[in-house]
Amino acid sequence: MSEHAAVELSPEAIEFAEWLATGQNPPSELDAARIQAEQVHLAAREPEGVTYREVDAGGVPGIWCEPVDANTDYVLLHSHAGGSVLASAPVDRKLAGHIAKAAGPPYW
């Protein structure tokens, strides 16, 4: 007889399993790639000591990442995934926060 340990699944894993159980397929390869790209950030940790706010940059939505005690004399500009049509800015939010924290200035 084998022993089985109870495993607690994350909410994301449960949601994904429920989606798989529906048997639905993404309508296209592009949609499948977008779904995959949007989940990449789930593997990363939030940087400590970084705040975020959504901003409008002349009609273009963006996310301002500002480390605590940031040097506001400079700003870094990041175009997520090179201006990708697959992923959204929130996917790169954690990455941008880590880079801003390491570099010192706020990150746009």
Protein backbone atom coordinates (compact mmCIF):
# COMPACT_ATOMS: atom_id res chain seq x y z
CA MET A 1 0.00 0.00 0.00
CA SER A 2 1.39 3.44 -0.92
CA GLU A 3 1.10 6.57 1.15
CA HIS A 4 0.00 9.79 -0.55
CA ALA A 5 0.85 13.17 0.93
CA ALA A 6 -1.75 15.92 0.60
CA VAL A 7 -0.65 18.69 -1.74
CA GLU A 8 -2.14 22.17 -1.56
CA LEU A 9 -2.53 23.75 -4.98
CA SER A 10 -2.18 27.45 -5.64
CA PRO A 11 -5.29 29.36 -6.76
CA GLU A 12 -3.65 29.75 -10.19
CA ALA A 13 -3.09 25.99 -10.48
CA ILE A 14 -6.72 25.31 -9.51
CA GLU A 15 -7.98 27.87 -12.04
CA PHE A 16 -5.79 26.36 -14.76
CA ALA A 17 -6.96 22.82 -13.93
CA GLU A 18 -10.59 23.97 -14.07
CA TRP A 19 -9.96 25.61 -17.45
CA LEU A 20 -8.31 22.42 -18.76
CA ALA A 21 -11.30 20.40 -17.55
CA THR A 22 -13.63 22.46 -19.76
CA GLY A 23 -11.87 21.07 -22.83
CA GLN A 24 -11.75 24.52 -24.41
CA ASN A 25 -9.01 25.36 -26.85
CA PRO A 26 -7.83 28.88 -27.54
CA PRO A 27 -9.42 30.12 -30.78
CA SER A 28 -6.05 30.58 -32.49
CA GLU A 29 -2.30 30.04 -32.10
CA LEU A 30 -1.92 33.76 -31.41
CA ASP A 31 -4.45 33.56 -28.57
CA ALA A 32 -2.62 30.51 -27.18
CA ALA A 33 0.68 32.43 -27.30
CA ARG A 34 -0.94 35.41 -25.55
CA ILE A 35 -2.34 33.19 -22.79
CA GLN A 36 1.11 31.69 -22.27
CA ALA A 37 2.87 35.07 -22.33
CA GLU A 38 0.45 36.56 -19.80
CA GLN A 39 1.32 33.85 -17.27
CA VAL A 40 5.12 34.25 -17.34
CA HIS A 41 5.12 36.76 -14.47
CA LEU A 42 3.57 34.19 -12.11
CA ALA A 43 7.02 32.60 -11.71
CA ALA A 44 8.58 35.84 -10.39
CA ARG A 45 8.55 37.40 -6.92
CA GLU A 46 7.39 40.93 -6.21
CA PRO A 47 10.36 43.20 -5.47
CA GLU A 48 10.34 44.59 -1.94
CA GLY A 49 10.18 48.35 -1.46
CA VAL A 50 8.75 49.22 -4.88
CA THR A 51 5.46 51.01 -5.50
CA TYR A 52 3.49 50.97 -8.74
CA ARG A 53 0.93 53.26 -10.27
CA GLU A 54 -0.82 53.21 -13.59
CA VAL A 55 -0.22 56.35 -15.65
CA ASP A 56 -1.20 57.88 -18.98
CA ALA A 57 1.82 58.89 -21.06
CA GLY A 58 0.26 61.06 -23.75
CA GLY A 59 -2.49 58.54 -24.46
CA VAL A 60 -0.31 55.47 -23.94
CA PRO A 61 -1.02 53.50 -20.76
CA GLY A 62 1.99 52.73 -18.63
CA ILE A 63 3.07 51.57 -15.20
CA TRP A 64 5.33 53.74 -13.04
CA CYS A 65 7.62 51.64 -10.82
CA GLU A 66 9.26 53.61 -8.04
CA PRO A 67 11.61 52.12 -5.46
CA VAL A 68 11.53 53.57 -1.95
CA ASP A 69 14.17 56.33 -1.73
CA ALA A 70 14.55 56.37 -5.53
CA ASN A 71 16.83 58.95 -7.14
CA THR A 72 14.24 61.01 -9.03
CA ASP A 73 16.90 62.90 -11.01
CA TYR A 74 16.74 60.08 -13.58
CA VAL A 75 14.13 57.81 -15.13
CA LEU A 76 14.57 54.55 -17.03
CA LEU A 77 12.21 53.82 -19.94
CA HIS A 78 11.27 50.20 -20.56
CA SER A 79 9.25 49.00 -23.54
CA HIS A 80 7.88 45.69 -22.33
CA ALA A 81 8.89 42.79 -24.54
CA GLY A 82 10.05 45.28 -27.16
CA GLY A 83 6.52 46.63 -27.66
CA SER A 84 5.17 43.12 -28.06
CA VAL A 85 1.69 42.31 -29.32
CA LEU A 86 1.64 39.18 -27.16
CA ALA A 87 2.06 40.34 -23.60
CA SER A 88 0.78 43.30 -21.62
CA ALA A 89 2.70 45.76 -19.47
CA PRO A 90 1.60 44.04 -16.23
CA VAL A 91 3.57 40.97 -17.33
CA ASP A 92 6.82 42.98 -17.09
CA ARG A 93 5.77 44.89 -13.94
CA LYS A 94 7.77 42.73 -11.51
CA LEU A 95 10.80 42.68 -13.81
CA ALA A 96 10.68 46.47 -14.16
CA GLY A 97 10.38 46.82 -10.39
CA HIS A 98 13.46 44.65 -9.82
CA ILE A 99 15.48 46.58 -12.43
CA ALA A 100 14.39 49.95 -10.98
CA LYS A 101 15.34 48.82 -7.48
CA ALA A 102 18.77 47.63 -8.66
CA ALA A 103 19.44 50.75 -10.78
CA GLY A 104 18.09 53.34 -8.33
CA PRO A 105 15.85 55.64 -10.39
CA PRO A 106 12.12 55.26 -10.95
CA TYR A 107 11.30 53.08 -13.93
CA TRP A 108 8.80 54.01 -16.61
